[in-house]
């Protein structure tokens, strides 16, 4: 099983990102078969609808087995719930309180990043669950890295920066945002979904695939 998923050992909360060997996680039957092999029931999983927005929804056991429309972030205090987001180049950002009591999964493409979805997620930890920023840990799972993320000359204006090259580093920007929010621990996966050896991940930029991997916490 470990050969089919990516796990960051320095982010100690149970989590993983699937790869191509696991199949298309947007396909309900393939997704359910894989999750059951990991001991995760369909009724325990909550998925984000993902519209490249900034909505972060608090979910409970009553949402188990569902896809929450019009949101790109999920957060829960229910230990029996697993949160998941689909990606094929965008960043899956996982967060958890130091004690593991509160967990979040966020889908962050450049639009959501620029519009403040990470700040919104941190704010939910603070205002709704009374978790200080310094007690939140984050992990950015496999995504398109700077090496393969070529953008237009004016792209940097979305983040108030000037790019020396027409390439953008999503995770570096995300890390800076999270640190400014007060987090002290932000881990970043080194895997690039576009050029990882062996065509390991689905990549929309590479071939416009509708297939997706799944990152869960």
N, C-alpha and C. Protein backbone atom coordinates (compact mmCIF):
# COMPACT_ATOMS: atom_id res chain seq x y z
N UNK A 1 0.82 -1.21 0.00
CA UNK A 1 0.00 0.00 0.00
C UNK A 1 0.85 1.26 0.00
N UNK A 2 1.98 1.24 0.72
CA UNK A 2 2.80 2.42 0.82
C UNK A 2 3.37 2.84 -0.53
N UNK A 3 3.48 1.90 -1.49
CA UNK A 3 4.01 2.24 -2.81
C UNK A 3 3.00 3.02 -3.63
N UNK A 4 1.75 3.05 -3.20
CA UNK A 4 0.69 3.69 -3.97
C UNK A 4 0.29 5.05 -3.43
N UNK A 5 0.85 5.45 -2.31
CA UNK A 5 0.46 6.71 -1.72
C UNK A 5 1.68 7.51 -1.30
N UNK A 6 1.48 8.81 -1.08
CA UNK A 6 2.53 9.69 -0.58
C UNK A 6 2.16 10.12 0.82
N UNK A 7 3.07 9.89 1.75
CA UNK A 7 2.87 10.29 3.14
C UNK A 7 4.07 11.09 3.58
N UNK A 8 3.84 12.20 4.25
CA UNK A 8 4.93 13.00 4.81
C UNK A 8 5.14 12.57 6.26
N UNK A 9 6.26 11.91 6.58
CA UNK A 9 6.47 11.40 7.93
C UNK A 9 6.60 12.49 8.99
N UNK A 10 6.85 13.73 8.55
CA UNK A 10 7.02 14.82 9.51
C UNK A 10 5.69 15.50 9.85
N UNK A 11 4.64 15.09 9.15
CA UNK A 11 3.28 15.56 9.47
C UNK A 11 2.58 14.37 10.09
N UNK A 12 2.53 14.33 11.42
CA UNK A 12 2.27 13.09 12.14
C UNK A 12 0.82 12.63 12.15
N UNK A 13 -0.10 13.40 11.62
CA UNK A 13 -1.50 13.03 11.61
C UNK A 13 -1.78 12.10 10.43
N UNK A 14 -2.68 11.16 10.61
CA UNK A 14 -2.94 10.19 9.55
C UNK A 14 -3.39 10.90 8.27
N UNK A 15 -2.65 10.69 7.20
CA UNK A 15 -2.94 11.38 5.95
C UNK A 15 -2.25 10.65 4.80
N UNK A 16 -2.70 10.92 3.58
CA UNK A 16 -1.97 10.45 2.40
C UNK A 16 -2.50 11.12 1.16
N UNK A 17 -1.71 11.03 0.08
CA UNK A 17 -2.13 11.45 -1.26
C UNK A 17 -2.00 10.23 -2.17
N UNK A 18 -3.03 9.91 -2.92
CA UNK A 18 -2.97 8.79 -3.85
C UNK A 18 -2.16 9.19 -5.09
N UNK A 19 -1.76 8.18 -5.87
CA UNK A 19 -1.14 8.48 -7.16
C UNK A 19 -1.86 7.68 -8.25
N UNK A 20 -1.32 7.68 -9.45
CA UNK A 20 -1.99 7.05 -10.60
C UNK A 20 -2.27 5.58 -10.36
N UNK A 21 -1.36 4.89 -9.65
CA UNK A 21 -1.55 3.47 -9.40
C UNK A 21 -2.84 3.18 -8.64
N UNK A 22 -3.28 4.15 -7.87
CA UNK A 22 -4.50 3.97 -7.08
C UNK A 22 -5.76 4.09 -7.92
N UNK A 23 -5.64 4.71 -9.10
CA UNK A 23 -6.78 4.92 -9.95
C UNK A 23 -7.33 6.33 -9.85
N UNK A 24 -8.37 6.60 -10.62
CA UNK A 24 -9.02 7.91 -10.66
C UNK A 24 -9.93 8.05 -9.45
N UNK A 25 -9.56 8.92 -8.53
CA UNK A 25 -10.34 9.07 -7.31
C UNK A 25 -11.63 9.85 -7.51
N UNK A 26 -11.85 10.41 -8.69
CA UNK A 26 -13.15 11.03 -9.00
C UNK A 26 -14.17 9.96 -9.35
N UNK A 27 -13.69 8.77 -9.71
CA UNK A 27 -14.57 7.65 -10.01
C UNK A 27 -15.00 7.03 -8.69
N UNK A 28 -16.27 7.09 -8.40
CA UNK A 28 -16.78 6.66 -7.09
C UNK A 28 -16.43 5.22 -6.76
N UNK A 29 -16.53 4.33 -7.75
CA UNK A 29 -16.27 2.92 -7.49
C UNK A 29 -14.79 2.67 -7.22
N UNK A 30 -13.91 3.31 -7.99
CA UNK A 30 -12.47 3.17 -7.77
C UNK A 30 -12.09 3.78 -6.42
N UNK A 31 -12.67 4.92 -6.11
CA UNK A 31 -12.37 5.59 -4.84
C UNK A 31 -12.80 4.74 -3.66
N UNK A 32 -14.01 4.20 -3.71
CA UNK A 32 -14.51 3.43 -2.58
C UNK A 32 -13.68 2.16 -2.38
N UNK A 33 -13.31 1.49 -3.48
CA UNK A 33 -12.52 0.27 -3.38
C UNK A 33 -11.17 0.55 -2.74
N UNK A 34 -10.55 1.66 -3.16
CA UNK A 34 -9.24 2.00 -2.60
C UNK A 34 -9.35 2.36 -1.12
N UNK A 35 -10.32 3.19 -0.79
CA UNK A 35 -10.47 3.62 0.60
C UNK A 35 -10.78 2.44 1.52
N UNK A 36 -11.61 1.52 1.06
CA UNK A 36 -11.91 0.35 1.87
C UNK A 36 -10.66 -0.48 2.12
N UNK A 37 -9.75 -0.52 1.13
CA UNK A 37 -8.50 -1.25 1.32
C UNK A 37 -7.63 -0.58 2.37
N UNK A 38 -7.91 0.70 2.64
CA UNK A 38 -7.18 1.44 3.67
C UNK A 38 -7.94 1.46 5.00
N UNK A 39 -9.09 0.81 5.01
CA UNK A 39 -9.87 0.77 6.24
C UNK A 39 -10.74 1.99 6.45
N UNK A 40 -11.02 2.74 5.37
CA UNK A 40 -11.85 3.94 5.45
C UNK A 40 -13.19 3.68 4.77
N UNK A 41 -14.28 3.81 5.50
CA UNK A 41 -15.60 3.58 4.94
C UNK A 41 -16.10 4.82 4.20
N UNK A 42 -16.95 4.60 3.20
CA UNK A 42 -17.54 5.72 2.47
C UNK A 42 -18.29 6.65 3.40
N UNK A 43 -18.93 6.09 4.41
CA UNK A 43 -19.73 6.89 5.34
C UNK A 43 -18.88 7.74 6.26
N UNK A 44 -17.57 7.55 6.25
CA UNK A 44 -16.66 8.32 7.10
C UNK A 44 -15.99 9.47 6.34
N UNK A 45 -16.12 9.47 5.01
CA UNK A 45 -15.40 10.45 4.19
C UNK A 45 -16.30 11.63 3.81
N UNK A 46 -15.74 12.83 3.94
CA UNK A 46 -16.42 14.05 3.47
C UNK A 46 -15.51 14.71 2.44
N UNK A 47 -16.08 15.08 1.29
CA UNK A 47 -15.32 15.67 0.19
C UNK A 47 -15.78 17.10 -0.07
N UNK A 48 -14.87 17.92 -0.56
CA UNK A 48 -15.20 19.31 -0.92
C UNK A 48 -15.62 19.37 -2.38
N UNK A 49 -16.63 20.19 -2.67
CA UNK A 49 -17.12 20.34 -4.03
C UNK A 49 -16.14 21.04 -4.96
N UNK A 50 -15.36 21.98 -4.41
CA UNK A 50 -14.25 22.65 -5.09
C UNK A 50 -14.66 23.52 -6.29
N UNK A 51 -14.76 24.81 -6.03
CA UNK A 51 -15.13 25.77 -7.07
C UNK A 51 -14.10 26.88 -7.20
N UNK A 52 -12.89 26.65 -6.69
CA UNK A 52 -11.81 27.64 -6.70
C UNK A 52 -12.23 28.91 -5.96
N UNK A 53 -12.95 28.70 -4.86
CA UNK A 53 -13.37 29.82 -4.04
C UNK A 53 -12.65 29.83 -2.70
N UNK A 54 -13.29 30.48 -1.71
CA UNK A 54 -12.65 30.61 -0.40
C UNK A 54 -13.54 30.10 0.75
N UNK A 55 -14.61 29.42 0.41
CA UNK A 55 -15.50 28.92 1.46
C UNK A 55 -14.87 27.73 2.19
N UNK A 56 -14.87 27.81 3.52
CA UNK A 56 -14.38 26.73 4.37
C UNK A 56 -15.55 26.29 5.25
N UNK A 57 -15.93 25.03 5.13
CA UNK A 57 -17.11 24.53 5.83
C UNK A 57 -16.72 23.67 7.03
N UNK A 58 -17.39 23.88 8.15
CA UNK A 58 -17.23 23.01 9.31
C UNK A 58 -18.16 21.81 9.11
N UNK A 59 -17.61 20.60 9.22
CA UNK A 59 -18.42 19.40 9.00
C UNK A 59 -18.40 18.50 10.23
N UNK A 60 -19.43 17.69 10.34
CA UNK A 60 -19.59 16.77 11.48
C UNK A 60 -19.94 15.39 10.95
N UNK A 61 -20.21 14.47 11.86
CA UNK A 61 -20.57 13.11 11.47
C UNK A 61 -21.84 13.09 10.63
N UNK A 62 -22.67 14.11 10.77
CA UNK A 62 -23.90 14.17 9.97
C UNK A 62 -23.60 14.38 8.49
N UNK A 63 -22.39 14.84 8.16
CA UNK A 63 -22.00 15.06 6.77
C UNK A 63 -21.26 13.87 6.19
N UNK A 64 -21.05 12.83 6.98
CA UNK A 64 -20.30 11.67 6.53
C UNK A 64 -20.86 11.07 5.25
N UNK A 65 -19.98 10.73 4.32
CA UNK A 65 -20.39 10.13 3.05
C UNK A 65 -20.85 11.12 2.01
N UNK A 66 -20.69 12.42 2.26
CA UNK A 66 -21.21 13.42 1.34
C UNK A 66 -20.12 14.28 0.70
N UNK A 67 -20.52 14.96 -0.35
CA UNK A 67 -19.69 15.97 -1.00
C UNK A 67 -20.34 17.32 -0.72
N UNK A 68 -19.58 18.22 -0.11
CA UNK A 68 -20.13 19.52 0.29
C UNK A 68 -19.95 20.51 -0.87
N UNK A 69 -21.05 20.93 -1.44
CA UNK A 69 -21.01 21.82 -2.60
C UNK A 69 -20.49 23.21 -2.24
N UNK A 70 -19.97 23.90 -3.24
CA UNK A 70 -19.58 25.31 -3.13
C UNK A 70 -18.59 25.59 -2.00
N UNK A 71 -17.65 24.70 -1.82
CA UNK A 71 -16.60 24.97 -0.84
C UNK A 71 -15.29 24.34 -1.30
N UNK A 72 -14.19 24.92 -0.84
CA UNK A 72 -12.86 24.40 -1.17
C UNK A 72 -12.07 24.03 0.08
N UNK A 73 -12.71 24.16 1.23
CA UNK A 73 -12.04 23.81 2.47
C UNK A 73 -13.00 23.13 3.43
N UNK A 74 -12.51 22.11 4.13
CA UNK A 74 -13.31 21.39 5.11
C UNK A 74 -12.55 21.37 6.42
N UNK A 75 -13.27 21.48 7.51
CA UNK A 75 -12.63 21.44 8.83
C UNK A 75 -13.56 20.71 9.79
N UNK A 76 -12.99 19.91 10.70
CA UNK A 76 -13.81 19.14 11.62
C UNK A 76 -13.13 18.93 12.95
N UNK A 77 -13.94 18.69 13.96
CA UNK A 77 -13.43 18.28 15.27
C UNK A 77 -13.90 16.86 15.57
N UNK A 78 -14.53 16.23 14.59
CA UNK A 78 -15.07 14.88 14.76
C UNK A 78 -13.99 13.85 14.42
N UNK A 79 -13.58 13.07 15.38
CA UNK A 79 -12.48 12.13 15.18
C UNK A 79 -12.86 10.99 14.24
N UNK A 80 -14.14 10.80 13.99
CA UNK A 80 -14.59 9.71 13.13
C UNK A 80 -14.77 10.12 11.67
N UNK A 81 -14.47 11.38 11.37
CA UNK A 81 -14.62 11.90 10.01
C UNK A 81 -13.26 12.01 9.33
N UNK A 82 -13.21 11.62 8.05
CA UNK A 82 -12.02 11.80 7.21
C UNK A 82 -12.34 12.86 6.17
N UNK A 83 -11.44 13.81 5.99
CA UNK A 83 -11.65 14.91 5.04
C UNK A 83 -10.82 14.68 3.79
N UNK A 84 -11.37 15.03 2.62
CA UNK A 84 -10.62 14.81 1.39
C UNK A 84 -10.82 15.88 0.34
N UNK A 85 -9.76 16.15 -0.44
CA UNK A 85 -9.84 17.07 -1.58
C UNK A 85 -9.19 16.41 -2.79
N UNK A 86 -9.73 16.72 -3.98
CA UNK A 86 -9.20 16.22 -5.24
C UNK A 86 -8.24 17.24 -5.84
N UNK A 87 -7.18 16.77 -6.49
CA UNK A 87 -6.29 17.68 -7.20
C UNK A 87 -5.67 17.00 -8.42
N UNK A 88 -5.19 17.84 -9.33
CA UNK A 88 -4.40 17.35 -10.46
C UNK A 88 -3.43 18.45 -10.86
N UNK A 89 -2.89 19.16 -9.90
CA UNK A 89 -1.86 20.21 -10.00
C UNK A 89 -2.02 21.24 -8.89
N UNK A 90 -3.27 21.55 -8.50
CA UNK A 90 -3.47 22.50 -7.40
C UNK A 90 -2.90 21.93 -6.10
N UNK A 91 -2.78 22.79 -5.10
CA UNK A 91 -2.23 22.36 -3.82
C UNK A 91 -3.29 21.79 -2.89
N UNK A 92 -3.08 20.59 -2.35
CA UNK A 92 -3.88 20.11 -1.24
C UNK A 92 -3.15 20.55 0.03
N UNK A 93 -3.80 21.35 0.85
CA UNK A 93 -3.17 21.84 2.08
C UNK A 93 -3.90 21.24 3.27
N UNK A 94 -3.16 20.45 4.05
CA UNK A 94 -3.72 19.83 5.24
C UNK A 94 -3.28 20.62 6.47
N UNK A 95 -4.17 20.77 7.42
CA UNK A 95 -3.85 21.46 8.67
C UNK A 95 -4.40 20.67 9.85
N UNK A 96 -3.76 20.83 10.99
CA UNK A 96 -4.25 20.17 12.19
C UNK A 96 -3.75 20.92 13.41
N UNK A 97 -4.59 20.92 14.45
CA UNK A 97 -4.13 21.48 15.72
C UNK A 97 -3.05 20.56 16.27
N UNK A 98 -2.20 21.09 17.13
CA UNK A 98 -1.08 20.32 17.65
C UNK A 98 -1.54 19.03 18.32
N UNK A 99 -2.71 19.05 18.95
CA UNK A 99 -3.22 17.86 19.63
C UNK A 99 -4.02 16.95 18.71
N UNK A 100 -4.16 17.35 17.43
CA UNK A 100 -4.88 16.53 16.46
C UNK A 100 -6.38 16.58 16.58
N UNK A 101 -6.88 17.39 17.48
CA UNK A 101 -8.33 17.44 17.72
C UNK A 101 -9.07 18.09 16.57
N UNK A 102 -8.48 19.11 15.95
CA UNK A 102 -9.10 19.82 14.83
C UNK A 102 -8.28 19.56 13.57
N UNK A 103 -8.95 19.18 12.48
CA UNK A 103 -8.26 18.89 11.23
C UNK A 103 -8.95 19.60 10.07
N UNK A 104 -8.15 19.94 9.05
CA UNK A 104 -8.71 20.61 7.88
C UNK A 104 -8.03 20.13 6.61
N UNK A 105 -8.79 20.12 5.52
CA UNK A 105 -8.26 19.83 4.19
C UNK A 105 -8.72 20.95 3.27
N UNK A 106 -7.76 21.56 2.58
CA UNK A 106 -8.06 22.72 1.74
C UNK A 106 -7.54 22.49 0.32
N UNK A 107 -8.39 22.80 -0.66
CA UNK A 107 -7.99 22.79 -2.06
C UNK A 107 -7.59 24.22 -2.43
N UNK A 108 -6.31 24.41 -2.79
CA UNK A 108 -5.81 25.77 -3.05
C UNK A 108 -5.11 25.85 -4.40
N UNK A 109 -5.83 26.36 -5.39
CA UNK A 109 -5.22 26.74 -6.65
C UNK A 109 -4.78 28.19 -6.53
N UNK A 110 -4.31 28.77 -7.61
CA UNK A 110 -3.80 30.14 -7.49
C UNK A 110 -4.93 31.12 -7.18
N UNK A 111 -6.13 30.87 -7.69
CA UNK A 111 -7.23 31.80 -7.43
C UNK A 111 -7.61 31.80 -5.95
N UNK A 112 -7.78 30.62 -5.40
CA UNK A 112 -8.12 30.53 -3.98
C UNK A 112 -7.03 31.10 -3.11
N UNK A 113 -5.79 30.84 -3.51
CA UNK A 113 -4.66 31.35 -2.75
C UNK A 113 -4.65 32.87 -2.75
N UNK A 114 -4.86 33.46 -3.92
CA UNK A 114 -4.86 34.91 -4.04
C UNK A 114 -6.05 35.55 -3.31
N UNK A 115 -7.16 34.84 -3.28
CA UNK A 115 -8.37 35.39 -2.66
C UNK A 115 -8.44 35.17 -1.15
N UNK A 116 -7.50 34.36 -0.61
CA UNK A 116 -7.41 34.25 0.84
C UNK A 116 -7.97 33.01 1.49
N UNK A 117 -8.02 31.89 0.78
CA UNK A 117 -8.61 30.70 1.39
C UNK A 117 -7.79 30.18 2.56
N UNK A 118 -6.46 30.31 2.52
CA UNK A 118 -5.65 29.82 3.63
C UNK A 118 -5.86 30.68 4.88
N UNK A 119 -5.93 31.97 4.69
CA UNK A 119 -6.21 32.86 5.81
C UNK A 119 -7.59 32.54 6.40
N UNK A 120 -8.55 32.24 5.53
CA UNK A 120 -9.90 31.91 5.99
C UNK A 120 -9.88 30.63 6.82
N UNK A 121 -9.14 29.63 6.38
CA UNK A 121 -9.07 28.37 7.12
C UNK A 121 -8.44 28.57 8.50
N UNK A 122 -7.37 29.34 8.56
CA UNK A 122 -6.73 29.62 9.84
C UNK A 122 -7.69 30.38 10.75
N UNK A 123 -8.43 31.29 10.17
CA UNK A 123 -9.39 32.07 10.97
C UNK A 123 -10.47 31.18 11.58
N UNK A 124 -10.91 30.15 10.85
CA UNK A 124 -11.90 29.22 11.38
C UNK A 124 -11.32 28.45 12.57
N UNK A 125 -10.07 28.01 12.46
CA UNK A 125 -9.41 27.36 13.59
C UNK A 125 -9.47 28.26 14.82
N UNK A 126 -9.18 29.55 14.61
CA UNK A 126 -9.07 30.49 15.73
C UNK A 126 -10.42 30.88 16.30
N UNK A 127 -11.35 31.26 15.43
CA UNK A 127 -12.61 31.82 15.92
C UNK A 127 -13.62 30.76 16.32
N UNK A 128 -13.67 29.65 15.58
CA UNK A 128 -14.69 28.63 15.85
C UNK A 128 -14.21 27.52 16.79
N UNK A 129 -12.89 27.29 16.81
CA UNK A 129 -12.37 26.19 17.63
C UNK A 129 -11.35 26.65 18.69
N UNK A 130 -11.12 27.96 18.75
CA UNK A 130 -10.24 28.55 19.77
C UNK A 130 -8.83 27.94 19.76
N UNK A 131 -8.31 27.68 18.55
CA UNK A 131 -6.95 27.17 18.39
C UNK A 131 -6.04 28.31 17.96
N UNK A 132 -5.01 28.59 18.71
CA UNK A 132 -4.06 29.65 18.35
C UNK A 132 -3.29 29.25 17.09
N UNK A 133 -2.92 30.25 16.29
CA UNK A 133 -2.18 30.00 15.05
C UNK A 133 -0.91 29.21 15.29
N UNK A 134 -0.22 29.52 16.37
CA UNK A 134 1.05 28.85 16.65
C UNK A 134 0.87 27.38 16.98
N UNK A 135 -0.38 26.97 17.22
CA UNK A 135 -0.68 25.57 17.54
C UNK A 135 -1.27 24.82 16.35
N UNK A 136 -1.16 25.42 15.16
CA UNK A 136 -1.63 24.77 13.94
C UNK A 136 -0.43 24.33 13.12
N UNK A 137 -0.46 23.08 12.67
CA UNK A 137 0.59 22.56 11.79
C UNK A 137 -0.01 22.35 10.40
N UNK A 138 0.81 22.56 9.36
CA UNK A 138 0.31 22.44 7.99
C UNK A 138 1.25 21.60 7.13
N UNK A 139 0.67 20.95 6.15
CA UNK A 139 1.42 20.16 5.18
C UNK A 139 0.83 20.41 3.80
N UNK A 140 1.70 20.79 2.85
CA UNK A 140 1.28 21.00 1.46
C UNK A 140 1.68 19.77 0.68
N UNK A 141 0.70 19.00 0.22
CA UNK A 141 0.92 17.72 -0.44
C UNK A 141 1.32 17.93 -1.91
N UNK A 142 1.62 16.84 -2.66
CA UNK A 142 2.07 16.96 -4.05
C UNK A 142 1.22 17.89 -4.90
N UNK A 143 1.90 18.73 -5.68
CA UNK A 143 1.24 19.76 -6.49
C UNK A 143 2.20 20.18 -7.59
N UNK A 144 1.78 21.05 -8.49
CA UNK A 144 2.66 21.55 -9.53
C UNK A 144 3.72 22.45 -8.88
N UNK A 145 4.98 22.13 -9.14
CA UNK A 145 6.07 22.90 -8.57
C UNK A 145 6.52 24.01 -9.52
N UNK A 146 7.35 24.88 -9.02
CA UNK A 146 7.82 26.03 -9.80
C UNK A 146 8.46 25.60 -11.12
N UNK A 147 9.12 24.45 -11.14
CA UNK A 147 9.81 23.98 -12.33
C UNK A 147 8.88 23.84 -13.54
N UNK A 148 7.60 23.57 -13.28
CA UNK A 148 6.65 23.31 -14.36
C UNK A 148 5.50 24.31 -14.43
N UNK A 149 5.52 25.31 -13.54
CA UNK A 149 4.40 26.25 -13.49
C UNK A 149 4.77 27.56 -14.18
N UNK A 150 4.67 27.54 -15.50
CA UNK A 150 4.96 28.73 -16.30
C UNK A 150 3.70 29.60 -16.38
N UNK A 151 3.86 30.88 -16.14
CA UNK A 151 2.73 31.81 -16.11
C UNK A 151 3.02 33.03 -16.98
N UNK A 152 2.01 33.87 -17.14
CA UNK A 152 2.17 35.08 -17.95
C UNK A 152 2.98 36.15 -17.21
N UNK A 153 3.42 37.14 -17.95
CA UNK A 153 4.26 38.19 -17.39
C UNK A 153 3.59 38.95 -16.26
N UNK A 154 2.27 39.10 -16.33
CA UNK A 154 1.55 39.89 -15.33
C UNK A 154 0.97 39.05 -14.19
N UNK A 155 1.28 37.77 -14.16
CA UNK A 155 0.69 36.88 -13.17
C UNK A 155 1.02 37.32 -11.75
N UNK A 156 2.22 37.80 -11.53
CA UNK A 156 2.65 38.20 -10.19
C UNK A 156 1.77 39.27 -9.57
N UNK A 157 1.05 40.04 -10.40
CA UNK A 157 0.19 41.09 -9.87
C UNK A 157 -0.91 40.53 -8.97
N UNK A 158 -1.28 39.26 -9.20
CA UNK A 158 -2.30 38.63 -8.36
C UNK A 158 -1.87 38.53 -6.90
N UNK A 159 -0.53 38.56 -6.70
CA UNK A 159 0.01 38.42 -5.35
C UNK A 159 0.86 39.62 -4.93
N UNK A 160 0.80 40.67 -5.74
CA UNK A 160 1.55 41.88 -5.41
C UNK A 160 3.05 41.71 -5.48
N UNK A 161 3.52 40.81 -6.36
CA UNK A 161 4.96 40.59 -6.51
C UNK A 161 5.34 40.68 -7.99
N UNK A 162 6.63 40.91 -8.23
CA UNK A 162 7.15 40.93 -9.59
C UNK A 162 7.99 39.68 -9.79
N UNK A 163 7.64 38.92 -10.82
CA UNK A 163 8.35 37.67 -11.08
C UNK A 163 9.56 37.93 -11.97
N UNK A 164 10.71 37.41 -11.56
CA UNK A 164 11.91 37.53 -12.37
C UNK A 164 11.85 36.61 -13.58
N UNK A 165 11.22 35.48 -13.40
CA UNK A 165 11.01 34.52 -14.48
C UNK A 165 9.51 34.29 -14.60
N UNK A 166 9.07 33.80 -15.74
CA UNK A 166 7.65 33.53 -15.91
C UNK A 166 7.28 32.17 -15.30
N UNK A 167 7.74 31.97 -14.06
CA UNK A 167 7.41 30.76 -13.32
C UNK A 167 7.01 31.17 -11.91
N UNK A 168 6.04 30.43 -11.37
CA UNK A 168 5.51 30.81 -10.07
C UNK A 168 5.59 29.65 -9.09
N UNK A 169 5.95 29.96 -7.86
CA UNK A 169 6.09 28.95 -6.81
C UNK A 169 4.88 29.03 -5.88
N UNK A 170 3.90 28.18 -6.14
CA UNK A 170 2.67 28.18 -5.34
C UNK A 170 2.93 27.88 -3.87
N UNK A 171 3.70 26.84 -3.61
CA UNK A 171 3.87 26.41 -2.22
C UNK A 171 4.72 27.38 -1.41
N UNK A 172 5.69 28.03 -2.05
CA UNK A 172 6.47 29.05 -1.34
C UNK A 172 5.56 30.19 -0.92
N UNK A 173 4.67 30.60 -1.82
CA UNK A 173 3.73 31.67 -1.52
C UNK A 173 2.76 31.23 -0.42
N UNK A 174 2.28 29.99 -0.51
CA UNK A 174 1.37 29.48 0.51
C UNK A 174 2.06 29.43 1.88
N UNK A 175 3.30 28.99 1.89
CA UNK A 175 4.04 28.92 3.15
C UNK A 175 4.20 30.32 3.77
N UNK A 176 4.52 31.31 2.93
CA UNK A 176 4.68 32.67 3.43
C UNK A 176 3.37 33.18 4.02
N UNK A 177 2.26 32.86 3.37
CA UNK A 177 0.94 33.27 3.87
C UNK A 177 0.67 32.64 5.23
N UNK A 178 0.93 31.36 5.34
CA UNK A 178 0.65 30.64 6.59
C UNK A 178 1.55 31.13 7.72
N UNK A 179 2.81 31.42 7.42
CA UNK A 179 3.70 31.94 8.44
C UNK A 179 3.25 33.33 8.91
N UNK A 180 2.77 34.12 7.97
CA UNK A 180 2.26 35.44 8.35
C UNK A 180 1.01 35.31 9.21
N UNK A 181 0.27 34.23 9.04
CA UNK A 181 -0.92 33.98 9.86
C UNK A 181 -0.55 33.51 11.26
N UNK A 182 0.72 33.20 11.48
CA UNK A 182 1.16 32.80 12.80
C UNK A 182 1.56 31.34 12.96
N UNK A 183 1.43 30.54 11.87
CA UNK A 183 1.85 29.15 11.97
C UNK A 183 3.37 29.08 12.09
N UNK A 184 3.85 28.05 12.77
CA UNK A 184 5.28 27.88 12.94
C UNK A 184 5.80 26.61 12.28
N UNK A 185 4.90 25.75 11.84
CA UNK A 185 5.28 24.49 11.21
C UNK A 185 4.52 24.31 9.90
N UNK A 186 5.23 24.45 8.77
CA UNK A 186 4.64 24.26 7.44
C UNK A 186 5.56 23.35 6.63
N UNK A 187 5.13 22.13 6.38
CA UNK A 187 5.89 21.17 5.60
C UNK A 187 5.41 21.20 4.15
N UNK A 188 6.34 20.98 3.19
CA UNK A 188 6.00 21.02 1.77
C UNK A 188 6.52 19.76 1.08
N UNK A 189 5.65 19.08 0.34
CA UNK A 189 6.07 17.92 -0.43
C UNK A 189 6.99 18.36 -1.57
N UNK A 190 7.98 17.54 -1.90
CA UNK A 190 8.89 17.87 -3.00
C UNK A 190 8.40 17.31 -4.33
N UNK A 191 7.31 16.53 -4.32
CA UNK A 191 6.82 15.93 -5.55
C UNK A 191 6.10 16.96 -6.43
N UNK A 192 6.44 16.96 -7.72
CA UNK A 192 5.75 17.79 -8.71
C UNK A 192 4.78 16.91 -9.47
N UNK A 193 3.52 17.29 -9.51
CA UNK A 193 2.51 16.46 -10.18
C UNK A 193 2.70 16.42 -11.69
N UNK A 194 3.44 17.37 -12.24
CA UNK A 194 3.67 17.40 -13.69
C UNK A 194 4.84 16.51 -14.10
N UNK A 195 5.97 16.64 -13.39
CA UNK A 195 7.18 15.97 -13.87
C UNK A 195 7.74 14.91 -12.94
N UNK A 196 6.98 14.48 -11.94
CA UNK A 196 7.47 13.42 -11.05
C UNK A 196 7.82 12.18 -11.88
N UNK A 197 8.90 11.54 -11.52
CA UNK A 197 9.41 10.38 -12.25
C UNK A 197 8.33 9.31 -12.41
N UNK A 198 8.24 8.79 -13.63
CA UNK A 198 7.30 7.71 -13.88
C UNK A 198 5.87 8.15 -14.10
N UNK A 199 5.67 9.44 -14.42
CA UNK A 199 4.30 9.95 -14.58
C UNK A 199 3.43 9.52 -13.40
N UNK A 200 3.92 9.82 -12.21
CA UNK A 200 3.32 9.28 -10.99
C UNK A 200 1.95 9.84 -10.66
N UNK A 201 1.68 11.09 -11.10
CA UNK A 201 0.43 11.75 -10.71
C UNK A 201 -0.39 12.18 -11.92
N UNK A 202 -1.69 12.34 -11.70
CA UNK A 202 -2.53 12.97 -12.71
C UNK A 202 -2.18 14.46 -12.75
N UNK A 203 -2.08 15.02 -13.95
CA UNK A 203 -1.73 16.43 -14.10
C UNK A 203 -2.58 17.06 -15.20
N UNK A 204 -3.40 18.02 -14.83
CA UNK A 204 -4.23 18.71 -15.81
C UNK A 204 -3.37 19.53 -16.76
N UNK A 205 -2.33 20.15 -16.23
CA UNK A 205 -1.48 20.98 -17.08
C UNK A 205 -0.76 20.14 -18.13
N UNK A 206 -0.41 18.94 -17.77
CA UNK A 206 0.35 18.10 -18.69
C UNK A 206 -0.51 17.57 -19.83
N UNK A 207 -1.73 17.11 -19.52
CA UNK A 207 -2.52 16.48 -20.59
C UNK A 207 -4.03 16.71 -20.48
N UNK A 208 -4.44 17.72 -19.71
CA UNK A 208 -5.86 18.09 -19.58
C UNK A 208 -6.73 16.94 -19.07
N UNK A 209 -6.15 16.05 -18.29
CA UNK A 209 -6.91 14.91 -17.79
C UNK A 209 -8.02 15.33 -16.84
N UNK A 210 -9.17 14.65 -16.91
CA UNK A 210 -10.24 14.90 -15.95
C UNK A 210 -10.05 14.07 -14.68
N UNK A 211 -9.06 13.20 -14.66
CA UNK A 211 -8.84 12.31 -13.52
C UNK A 211 -8.12 13.05 -12.39
N UNK A 212 -8.32 12.58 -11.17
CA UNK A 212 -7.77 13.27 -10.01
C UNK A 212 -7.21 12.30 -8.99
N UNK A 213 -6.17 12.78 -8.25
CA UNK A 213 -5.76 12.08 -7.06
C UNK A 213 -6.51 12.66 -5.86
N UNK A 214 -6.41 11.97 -4.75
CA UNK A 214 -7.13 12.37 -3.55
C UNK A 214 -6.15 12.52 -2.40
N UNK A 215 -6.28 13.63 -1.67
CA UNK A 215 -5.49 13.82 -0.45
C UNK A 215 -6.45 13.83 0.71
N UNK A 216 -6.16 13.05 1.74
CA UNK A 216 -7.07 12.95 2.87
C UNK A 216 -6.34 13.16 4.20
N UNK A 217 -7.11 13.57 5.19
CA UNK A 217 -6.63 13.64 6.56
C UNK A 217 -7.76 13.21 7.48
